[in-house]
Amino acid sequence: MKNKFYKKETPYDGLILSWFYSIWRRFNNPRLHKKLTSIAVENLALQKGDSVLEIACGPGYGFVNLQNAVGKDGHITAIDYSSAMLKQAQKRKEKNGWDNIDLIQMDARTIDYEELFDGVVSILGLSVVPEWELVFDKMVDACKTNRRVMDSIKGCLIMSAETRNIIGEMDKRLGDFEVLYFMNGLYFVASGIKL
């Protein structure tokens, strides 16, 4: 499988990102994060052999769930803007022997795939990327018709998530829309079907 990241420094690399993730990991509830990721991937309704796109994959925390869903005959395309995050994802990929994952350094606003995916997921991504509406459009465009688009978010922990109407936009654009709230609405998992 291909890896397309070039260790190109971005504004999301370096000390600021390292600081953010060290703080985030300290205050994040790992069991809850795993639960939300598991629910998000389960709601994608992927089958063995399917292809999935993960936007803003970070260090690859969602890979285990995605691997379980698509199996060794499936394919995962994981993108992130940060080479530092992709380096960590690469280590996770190599450690587990996952040969069916492509890691690509890319600005999510520039996604343009000819081949569509059986599912598209973003864990936290829409809450932090610039021009999230454009990224959401790209997520929907990359998904096959009648397949699911997912977002899992920790709303109040990320300041920009509070000002973004991600749930409202997903509800307008996707069919069979559903949102599950956790911890009194602090966290949510939202999904819908591309029509």
C-alpha atoms as a PDB file:
ATOM      1  CA  MET A   1       0.000   0.000   0.000  1.00  0.00           C
ATOM      2  CA  LYS A   2       1.123   3.503  -0.659  1.00  0.00           C
ATOM      3  CA  ASN A   3       2.146   6.115   1.821  1.00  0.00           C
ATOM      4  CA  LYS A   4       2.199   9.694   0.644  1.00  0.00           C
ATOM      5  CA  PHE A   5       3.531  11.887   3.348  1.00  0.00           C
ATOM      6  CA  TYR A   6       6.696  13.772   2.995  1.00  0.00           C
ATOM      7  CA  LYS A   7       7.520  14.977   6.466  1.00  0.00           C
ATOM      8  CA  LYS A   8       6.465  18.393   5.234  1.00  0.00           C
ATOM      9  CA  GLU A   9       6.059  20.647   8.230  1.00  0.00           C
ATOM     10  CA  THR A  10       2.646  22.236   8.558  1.00  0.00           C
ATOM     11  CA  PRO A  11       1.189  24.662  11.096  1.00  0.00           C
ATOM     12  CA  TYR A  12      -0.153  21.560  12.886  1.00  0.00           C
ATOM     13  CA  ASP A  13       3.266  20.005  13.437  1.00  0.00           C
ATOM     14  CA  GLY A  14       5.931  20.781  15.981  1.00  0.00           C
ATOM     15  CA  LEU A  15       5.642  21.839  19.576  1.00  0.00           C
ATOM     16  CA  ILE A  16       2.059  23.098  19.466  1.00  0.00           C
ATOM     17  CA  LEU A  17       0.676  19.775  18.242  1.00  0.00           C
ATOM     18  CA  SER A  18       2.835  17.807  20.673  1.00  0.00           C
ATOM     19  CA  TRP A  19       1.638  20.029  23.509  1.00  0.00           C
ATOM     20  CA  PHE A  20      -2.014  19.728  22.441  1.00  0.00           C
ATOM     21  CA  TYR A  21      -1.952  15.928  22.259  1.00  0.00           C
ATOM     22  CA  SER A  22      -0.103  15.564  25.555  1.00  0.00           C
ATOM     23  CA  ILE A  23      -2.771  17.713  27.255  1.00  0.00           C
ATOM     24  CA  TRP A  24      -5.612  16.049  25.347  1.00  0.00           C
ATOM     25  CA  ARG A  25      -4.425  12.531  26.247  1.00  0.00           C
ATOM     26  CA  ARG A  26      -4.095  13.528  29.909  1.00  0.00           C
ATOM     27  CA  PHE A  27      -7.665  14.816  30.194  1.00  0.00           C
ATOM     28  CA  ASN A  28      -9.338  12.599  27.606  1.00  0.00           C
ATOM     29  CA  ASN A  29     -11.164   9.524  28.830  1.00  0.00           C
ATOM     30  CA  PRO A  30      -9.521   6.722  26.779  1.00  0.00           C
ATOM     31  CA  ARG A  31     -12.351   4.249  27.423  1.00  0.00           C
ATOM     32  CA  LEU A  32     -14.957   6.754  26.276  1.00  0.00           C
ATOM     33  CA  HIS A  33     -12.890   7.647  23.203  1.00  0.00           C
ATOM     34  CA  LYS A  34     -12.635   3.940  22.302  1.00  0.00           C
ATOM     35  CA  LYS A  35     -16.370   3.530  22.839  1.00  0.00           C
ATOM     36  CA  LEU A  36     -17.235   6.504  20.612  1.00  0.00           C
ATOM     37  CA  THR A  37     -14.864   5.300  17.902  1.00  0.00           C
ATOM     38  CA  SER A  38     -16.310   1.800  18.105  1.00  0.00           C
ATOM     39  CA  ILE A  39     -19.882   3.105  17.790  1.00  0.00           C
ATOM     40  CA  ALA A  40     -18.933   5.396  14.897  1.00  0.00           C
ATOM     41  CA  VAL A  41     -17.304   2.574  12.935  1.00  0.00           C
ATOM     42  CA  GLU A  42     -20.127   0.133  13.775  1.00  0.00           C
ATOM     43  CA  ASN A  43     -22.681   2.644  12.475  1.00  0.00           C
ATOM     44  CA  LEU A  44     -20.838   2.827   9.161  1.00  0.00           C
ATOM     45  CA  ALA A  45     -22.215  -0.695   8.533  1.00  0.00           C
ATOM     46  CA  LEU A  46     -19.070  -1.708   6.672  1.00  0.00           C
ATOM     47  CA  GLN A  47     -18.706  -5.224   5.329  1.00  0.00           C
ATOM     48  CA  LYS A  48     -15.590  -7.344   4.881  1.00  0.00           C
ATOM     49  CA  GLY A  49     -13.832  -6.192   1.714  1.00  0.00           C
ATOM     50  CA  ASP A  50     -15.257  -2.650   1.813  1.00  0.00           C
ATOM     51  CA  SER A  51     -13.232   0.529   1.384  1.00  0.00           C
ATOM     52  CA  VAL A  52     -13.338   3.375   3.883  1.00  0.00           C
ATOM     53  CA  LEU A  53     -11.926   6.894   4.022  1.00  0.00           C
ATOM     54  CA  GLU A  54     -10.885   8.343   7.371  1.00  0.00           C
ATOM     55  CA  ILE A  55     -10.519  12.135   7.430  1.00  0.00           C
ATOM     56  CA  ALA A  56      -8.040  13.606   9.931  1.00  0.00           C
ATOM     57  CA  CYS A  57      -6.894  10.157  11.061  1.00  0.00           C
ATOM     58  CA  GLY A  58      -4.382  11.569  13.534  1.00  0.00           C
ATOM     59  CA  PRO A  59      -2.165   8.861  15.018  1.00  0.00           C
ATOM     60  CA  GLY A  60      -4.467   6.091  13.808  1.00  0.00           C
ATOM     61  CA  TYR A  61      -6.526   5.399  16.919  1.00  0.00           C
ATOM     62  CA  GLY A  62      -9.473   4.314  14.741  1.00  0.00           C
ATOM     63  CA  PHE A  63      -7.515   1.758  12.710  1.00  0.00           C
ATOM     64  CA  VAL A  64      -8.302  -1.210  14.966  1.00  0.00           C
ATOM     65  CA  ASN A  65     -12.047  -0.695  14.602  1.00  0.00           C
ATOM     66  CA  LEU A  66     -11.789  -0.024  10.878  1.00  0.00           C
ATOM     67  CA  GLN A  67      -9.634  -3.145  10.370  1.00  0.00           C
ATOM     68  CA  ASN A  68     -12.167  -5.265  12.244  1.00  0.00           C
ATOM     69  CA  ALA A  69     -14.918  -3.900  10.013  1.00  0.00           C
ATOM     70  CA  VAL A  70     -13.328  -4.220   6.550  1.00  0.00           C
ATOM     71  CA  GLY A  71     -11.015  -7.166   7.203  1.00  0.00           C
ATOM     72  CA  LYS A  72      -7.754  -7.899   5.449  1.00  0.00           C
ATOM     73  CA  ASP A  73      -9.462  -7.826   2.040  1.00  0.00           C
ATOM     74  CA  GLY A  74     -10.839  -4.341   2.685  1.00  0.00           C
ATOM     75  CA  HIS A  75      -9.032  -1.076   2.245  1.00  0.00           C
ATOM     76  CA  ILE A  76      -8.528   1.976   4.464  1.00  0.00           C
ATOM     77  CA  THR A  77      -7.427   5.338   3.102  1.00  0.00           C
ATOM     78  CA  ALA A  78      -6.391   7.571   5.983  1.00  0.00           C
ATOM     79  CA  ILE A  79      -5.545  11.223   5.478  1.00  0.00           C
ATOM     80  CA  ASP A  80      -4.178  13.862   7.789  1.00  0.00           C
ATOM     81  CA  TYR A  81      -2.642  17.281   7.262  1.00  0.00           C
ATOM     82  CA  SER A  82       0.044  16.703   9.890  1.00  0.00           C
ATOM     83  CA  SER A  83       3.135  14.657   9.063  1.00  0.00           C
ATOM     84  CA  ALA A  84       3.722  14.222  12.819  1.00  0.00           C
ATOM     85  CA  MET A  85       0.364  12.482  13.174  1.00  0.00           C
ATOM     86  CA  LEU A  86       0.995  10.349  10.101  1.00  0.00           C
ATOM     87  CA  LYS A  87       4.358   9.238  11.484  1.00  0.00           C
ATOM     88  CA  GLN A  88       2.546   7.912  14.555  1.00  0.00           C
ATOM     89  CA  ALA A  89      -0.099   6.291  12.333  1.00  0.00           C
ATOM     90  CA  GLN A  90       2.683   4.665  10.290  1.00  0.00           C
ATOM     91  CA  LYS A  91       4.199   3.162  13.446  1.00  0.00           C
ATOM     92  CA  ARG A  92       0.788   1.779  14.450  1.00  0.00           C
ATOM     93  CA  LYS A  93       0.283   0.371  10.942  1.00  0.00           C
ATOM     94  CA  GLU A  94       3.714  -1.320  10.892  1.00  0.00           C
ATOM     95  CA  LYS A  95       3.430  -2.664  14.449  1.00  0.00           C
ATOM     96  CA  ASN A  96       0.177  -4.426  13.560  1.00  0.00           C
ATOM     97  CA  GLY A  97       1.178  -5.555  10.070  1.00  0.00           C
ATOM     98  CA  TRP A  98      -1.724  -3.781   8.382  1.00  0.00           C
ATOM     99  CA  ASP A  99      -0.884  -3.779   4.682  1.00  0.00           C
ATOM    100  CA  ASN A 100      -4.276  -2.498   3.556  1.00  0.00           C
ATOM    101  CA  ILE A 101      -3.929   1.079   4.819  1.00  0.00           C
ATOM    102  CA  ASP A 102      -2.827   4.015   2.669  1.00  0.00           C
ATOM    103  CA  LEU A 103      -1.572   6.998   4.661  1.00  0.00           C
ATOM    104  CA  ILE A 104      -1.749  10.275   2.762  1.00  0.00           C
ATOM    105  CA  GLN A 105      -0.701  13.736   3.870  1.00  0.00           C
ATOM    106  CA  MET A 106      -3.389  16.010   2.513  1.00  0.00           C
ATOM    107  CA  ASP A 107      -5.452  19.037   3.341  1.00  0.00           C
ATOM    108  CA  ALA A 108      -8.986  17.629   3.699  1.00  0.00           C
ATOM    109  CA  ARG A 109     -10.334  20.591   1.734  1.00  0.00           C
ATOM    110  CA  THR A 110      -8.603  19.239  -1.392  1.00  0.00           C
ATOM    111  CA  ILE A 111      -9.951  15.678  -1.417  1.00  0.00           C
ATOM    112  CA  ASP A 112     -10.918  14.628  -4.913  1.00  0.00           C
ATOM    113  CA  TYR A 113     -11.234  10.876  -5.426  1.00  0.00           C
ATOM    114  CA  GLU A 114     -12.451   9.298  -8.654  1.00  0.00           C
ATOM    115  CA  GLU A 115     -13.255   6.029  -6.923  1.00  0.00           C
ATOM    116  CA  LEU A 116     -15.885   6.327  -4.205  1.00  0.00           C
ATOM    117  CA  PHE A 117     -15.715   4.756  -0.744  1.00  0.00           C
ATOM    118  CA  ASP A 118     -18.160   2.424   1.008  1.00  0.00           C
ATOM    119  CA  GLY A 119     -17.979   4.674   4.063  1.00  0.00           C
ATOM    120  CA  VAL A 120     -16.390   7.926   5.203  1.00  0.00           C
ATOM    121  CA  VAL A 121     -15.595   8.725   8.830  1.00  0.00           C
ATOM    122  CA  SER A 122     -14.033  11.556  10.785  1.00  0.00           C
ATOM    123  CA  ILE A 123     -13.326  11.304  14.489  1.00  0.00           C
ATOM    124  CA  LEU A 124     -12.925  14.889  15.767  1.00  0.00           C
ATOM    125  CA  GLY A 125     -11.928  16.116  12.306  1.00  0.00           C
ATOM    126  CA  LEU A 126     -14.855  18.404  11.518  1.00  0.00           C
ATOM    127  CA  SER A 127     -14.419  20.150  14.839  1.00  0.00           C
ATOM    128  CA  VAL A 128     -10.866  21.261  14.090  1.00  0.00           C
ATOM    129  CA  VAL A 129     -10.338  21.593  10.334  1.00  0.00           C
ATOM    130  CA  PRO A 130     -10.545  25.006   8.661  1.00  0.00           C
ATOM    131  CA  GLU A 131     -13.566  25.497   6.394  1.00  0.00           C
ATOM    132  CA  TRP A 132     -15.328  22.485   7.871  1.00  0.00           C
ATOM    133  CA  GLU A 133     -18.349  22.908   5.574  1.00  0.00           C
ATOM    134  CA  LEU A 134     -16.118  22.367   2.525  1.00  0.00           C
ATOM    135  CA  VAL A 135     -14.540  19.326   4.174  1.00  0.00           C
ATOM    136  CA  PHE A 136     -18.004  17.930   4.929  1.00  0.00           C
ATOM    137  CA  ASP A 137     -18.960  18.430   1.252  1.00  0.00           C
ATOM    138  CA  LYS A 138     -15.824  16.512   0.251  1.00  0.00           C
ATOM    139  CA  MET A 139     -16.703  13.716   2.697  1.00  0.00           C
ATOM    140  CA  VAL A 140     -20.168  13.335   1.197  1.00  0.00           C
ATOM    141  CA  ASP A 141     -18.788  13.510  -2.357  1.00  0.00           C
ATOM    142  CA  ALA A 142     -16.270  10.726  -1.574  1.00  0.00           C
ATOM    143  CA  CYS A 143     -18.971   8.354  -0.314  1.00  0.00           C
ATOM    144  CA  LYS A 144     -20.988   5.967  -2.463  1.00  0.00           C
ATOM    145  CA  THR A 145     -24.731   6.579  -2.727  1.00  0.00           C
ATOM    146  CA  ASN A 146     -26.751   4.784  -0.034  1.00  0.00           C
ATOM    147  CA  ARG A 147     -23.687   4.387   2.193  1.00  0.00           C
ATOM    148  CA  ARG A 148     -22.969   6.096   5.509  1.00  0.00           C
ATOM    149  CA  VAL A 149     -21.027   9.227   6.414  1.00  0.00           C
ATOM    150  CA  MET A 150     -20.012   9.512  10.086  1.00  0.00           C
ATOM    151  CA  ASP A 151     -18.672  12.108  12.448  1.00  0.00           C
ATOM    152  CA  SER A 152     -17.791  11.611  16.086  1.00  0.00           C
ATOM    153  CA  ILE A 153     -17.041  14.682  18.113  1.00  0.00           C
ATOM    154  CA  LYS A 154     -16.241  15.893  21.558  1.00  0.00           C
ATOM    155  CA  GLY A 155     -18.214  19.081  21.448  1.00  0.00           C
ATOM    156  CA  CYS A 156     -17.348  21.271  24.380  1.00  0.00           C
ATOM    157  CA  LEU A 157     -13.744  20.156  24.685  1.00  0.00           C
ATOM    158  CA  ILE A 158     -12.896  21.732  21.362  1.00  0.00           C
ATOM    159  CA  MET A 159     -13.853  25.382  21.219  1.00  0.00           C
ATOM    160  CA  SER A 160     -14.565  25.491  17.488  1.00  0.00           C
ATOM    161  CA  ALA A 161     -16.999  22.566  17.765  1.00  0.00           C
ATOM    162  CA  GLU A 162     -19.294  24.729  19.865  1.00  0.00           C
ATOM    163  CA  THR A 163     -19.662  27.292  17.085  1.00  0.00           C
ATOM    164  CA  ARG A 164     -20.076  24.853  14.196  1.00  0.00           C
ATOM    165  CA  ASN A 165     -23.501  23.522  13.293  1.00  0.00           C
ATOM    166  CA  ILE A 166     -22.164  20.126  12.247  1.00  0.00           C
ATOM    167  CA  ILE A 167     -25.247  18.209  13.391  1.00  0.00           C
ATOM    168  CA  GLY A 168     -27.593  20.609  11.604  1.00  0.00           C
ATOM    169  CA  GLU A 169     -25.619  20.423   8.368  1.00  0.00           C
ATOM    170  CA  MET A 170     -25.450  16.624   8.480  1.00  0.00           C
ATOM    171  CA  ASP A 171     -29.197  16.472   9.144  1.00  0.00           C
ATOM    172  CA  LYS A 172     -29.887  18.679   6.088  1.00  0.00           C
ATOM    173  CA  ARG A 173     -27.593  16.779   3.734  1.00  0.00           C
ATOM    174  CA  LEU A 174     -27.959  13.111   4.709  1.00  0.00           C
ATOM    175  CA  GLY A 175     -30.861  10.698   4.832  1.00  0.00           C
ATOM    176  CA  ASP A 176     -31.694   8.434   7.764  1.00  0.00           C
ATOM    177  CA  PHE A 177     -29.797  10.875   9.978  1.00  0.00           C
ATOM    178  CA  GLU A 178     -29.184   9.956  13.595  1.00  0.00           C
ATOM    179  CA  VAL A 179     -27.182  11.400  16.425  1.00  0.00           C
ATOM    180  CA  LEU A 180     -26.274   9.728  19.693  1.00  0.00           C
ATOM    181  CA  TYR A 181     -25.339  11.933  22.645  1.00  0.00           C
ATOM    182  CA  PHE A 182     -23.123  10.939  25.543  1.00  0.00           C
ATOM    183  CA  MET A 183     -22.323  12.579  28.874  1.00  0.00           C
ATOM    184  CA  ASN A 184     -25.175  15.089  28.742  1.00  0.00           C
ATOM    185  CA  GLY A 185     -24.358  16.167  25.190  1.00  0.00           C
ATOM    186  CA  LEU A 186     -20.653  16.791  25.725  1.00  0.00           C
ATOM    187  CA  TYR A 187     -19.890  14.054  23.193  1.00  0.00           C
ATOM    188  CA  PHE A 188     -21.802  12.867  20.156  1.00  0.00           C
ATOM    189  CA  VAL A 189     -21.691  10.414  17.259  1.00  0.00           C
ATOM    190  CA  ALA A 190     -23.655  11.469  14.184  1.00  0.00           C
ATOM    191  CA  SER A 191     -24.305   9.568  10.959  1.00  0.00           C
ATOM    192  CA  GLY A 192     -26.443   9.587   7.875  1.00  0.00           C
ATOM    193  CA  ILE A 193     -26.770   8.024   4.443  1.00  0.00           C
ATOM    194  CA  LYS A 194     -25.669   9.733   1.261  1.00  0.00           C
ATOM    195  CA  LEU A 195     -28.714  10.013  -0.979  1.00  0.00           C
END
